[in-house]
């Protein structure tokens, strides 16, 4: 995949089914943090509110979700038990419903963290 110039450019490089999931994640983030700036960072879509909030990315079998730092992953540890996680990443399988409510909670959590750091 060539380096994307915009989030639309990034998403358009995937198969239709993956595009739909990426758009769902994108819309969820924008709903919770409408004032966040949409950027391409590390060659993937990201959202910035003072500093980075979250990123997301498409893969063959999952959508990667990356809240900046590990605090959101620690805070939502119990809700994330059915997903593969690491210190800074979560994998949402494409063959399961996208956990929109959980994504909303994590984005809200990150917005609150960024505002507190003001």
Protein backbone atom coordinates (compact mmCIF):
# COMPACT_ATOMS: atom_id res chain seq x y z
CA UNK A 1 0.00 0.00 0.00
CA UNK A 2 1.38 3.43 -0.93
CA UNK A 3 1.63 6.09 1.74
CA UNK A 4 -1.87 7.60 2.13
CA UNK A 5 -2.36 11.36 1.88
CA UNK A 6 -5.70 11.40 3.73
CA UNK A 7 -7.98 9.11 5.72
CA UNK A 8 -10.23 8.74 2.67
CA UNK A 9 -7.16 7.73 0.65
CA UNK A 10 -6.16 5.21 3.34
CA UNK A 11 -9.60 3.59 3.57
CA UNK A 12 -10.04 3.40 -0.21
CA UNK A 13 -7.02 1.08 -0.42
CA UNK A 14 -8.90 -1.79 1.25
CA UNK A 15 -11.52 -4.30 0.08
CA UNK A 16 -15.15 -3.16 0.43
CA UNK A 17 -15.87 -5.19 3.60
CA UNK A 18 -12.79 -3.77 5.32
CA UNK A 19 -13.67 -0.24 4.14
CA UNK A 20 -17.07 -0.55 5.81
CA UNK A 21 -15.51 -1.54 9.15
CA UNK A 22 -12.89 1.22 8.92
CA UNK A 23 -15.63 3.78 8.18
CA UNK A 24 -17.59 2.51 11.19
CA UNK A 25 -14.57 3.03 13.47
CA UNK A 26 -13.93 6.45 11.89
CA UNK A 27 -17.56 7.56 12.40
CA UNK A 28 -17.50 6.34 16.00
CA UNK A 29 -14.38 8.35 16.81
CA UNK A 30 -15.76 11.47 15.08
CA UNK A 31 -19.05 11.14 16.99
CA UNK A 32 -17.29 11.08 20.36
CA UNK A 33 -14.56 13.60 19.54
CA UNK A 34 -15.96 15.88 16.79
CA UNK A 35 -13.41 18.59 17.61
CA UNK A 36 -10.46 16.22 17.09
CA UNK A 37 -8.33 16.78 14.01
CA UNK A 38 -8.19 13.86 11.58
CA UNK A 39 -4.60 13.15 10.52
CA UNK A 40 -2.43 10.51 8.91
CA UNK A 41 0.26 9.54 11.40
CA UNK A 42 2.54 6.50 11.11
CA UNK A 43 0.81 5.96 7.73
CA UNK A 44 -2.55 5.28 9.39
CA UNK A 45 -5.60 7.34 10.39
CA UNK A 46 -5.28 9.15 13.69
CA UNK A 47 -7.11 11.76 15.72
CA UNK A 48 -5.49 14.64 17.54
CA UNK A 49 -6.89 16.83 20.31
CA UNK A 50 -3.99 18.88 21.66
CA UNK A 51 -1.95 15.66 21.28
CA UNK A 52 -2.74 12.31 19.70
CA UNK A 53 -5.85 10.50 20.95
CA UNK A 54 -6.08 7.28 18.94
CA UNK A 55 -5.18 5.60 15.67
CA UNK A 56 -6.80 2.75 13.76
CA UNK A 57 -5.71 0.51 10.90
CA UNK A 58 -6.98 -2.23 8.63
CA UNK A 59 -5.40 -5.66 8.36
CA UNK A 60 -6.30 -8.94 6.67
CA UNK A 61 -8.29 -10.38 9.60
CA UNK A 62 -8.72 -7.54 12.07
CA UNK A 63 -9.00 -3.82 12.65
CA UNK A 64 -6.23 -2.49 14.84
CA UNK A 65 -7.11 0.18 17.38
CA UNK A 66 -4.37 2.14 19.13
CA UNK A 67 -5.25 4.48 21.99
CA UNK A 68 -2.16 6.61 22.68
CA UNK A 69 -0.23 5.02 25.53
CA UNK A 70 -1.43 2.05 27.53
CA UNK A 71 -3.76 3.77 30.01
CA UNK A 72 -7.00 3.06 28.08
CA UNK A 73 -6.04 -0.58 27.61
CA UNK A 74 -5.37 -0.89 31.35
CA UNK A 75 -8.57 1.01 32.25
CA UNK A 76 -10.76 -1.23 30.05
CA UNK A 77 -8.84 -4.46 30.70
CA UNK A 78 -11.96 -6.44 31.74
CA UNK A 79 -13.93 -5.37 28.66
CA UNK A 80 -11.00 -6.23 26.40
CA UNK A 81 -10.53 -9.84 27.58
CA UNK A 82 -12.08 -11.32 24.42
CA UNK A 83 -9.71 -9.38 22.15
CA UNK A 84 -6.03 -9.79 21.45
CA UNK A 85 -4.21 -6.88 23.08
CA UNK A 86 -0.69 -5.68 23.71
CA UNK A 87 0.67 -2.72 25.64
CA UNK A 88 -0.62 -0.22 23.04
CA UNK A 89 -2.84 -2.11 20.61
CA UNK A 90 -6.14 -3.94 20.36
CA UNK A 91 -7.22 -6.27 17.57
CA UNK A 92 -10.92 -6.33 16.70
CA UNK A 93 -11.60 -9.42 14.53
CA UNK A 94 -13.41 -8.71 11.28
CA UNK A 95 -15.65 -11.74 11.65
CA UNK A 96 -17.24 -10.37 14.85
CA UNK A 97 -19.39 -7.24 15.33
CA UNK A 98 -17.33 -4.09 15.81
CA UNK A 99 -17.54 -3.13 19.53
CA UNK A 100 -18.72 0.44 18.89
CA UNK A 101 -19.77 1.10 22.52
CA UNK A 102 -16.34 0.03 23.78
CA UNK A 103 -14.55 2.17 21.18
CA UNK A 104 -16.69 5.15 22.27
CA UNK A 105 -15.73 4.61 25.92
CA UNK A 106 -12.03 4.40 25.10
CA UNK A 107 -12.12 7.54 22.93
CA UNK A 108 -13.99 9.44 25.69
CA UNK A 109 -11.38 8.22 28.15
CA UNK A 110 -8.56 9.48 25.93
CA UNK A 111 -10.30 12.85 25.35
CA UNK A 112 -10.59 13.30 29.14
CA UNK A 113 -6.91 12.43 29.55
CA UNK A 114 -5.84 14.95 26.92
CA UNK A 115 -8.02 17.70 28.41
CA UNK A 116 -6.64 17.03 31.91
CA UNK A 117 -3.08 17.40 30.60
CA UNK A 118 -3.86 20.97 29.52
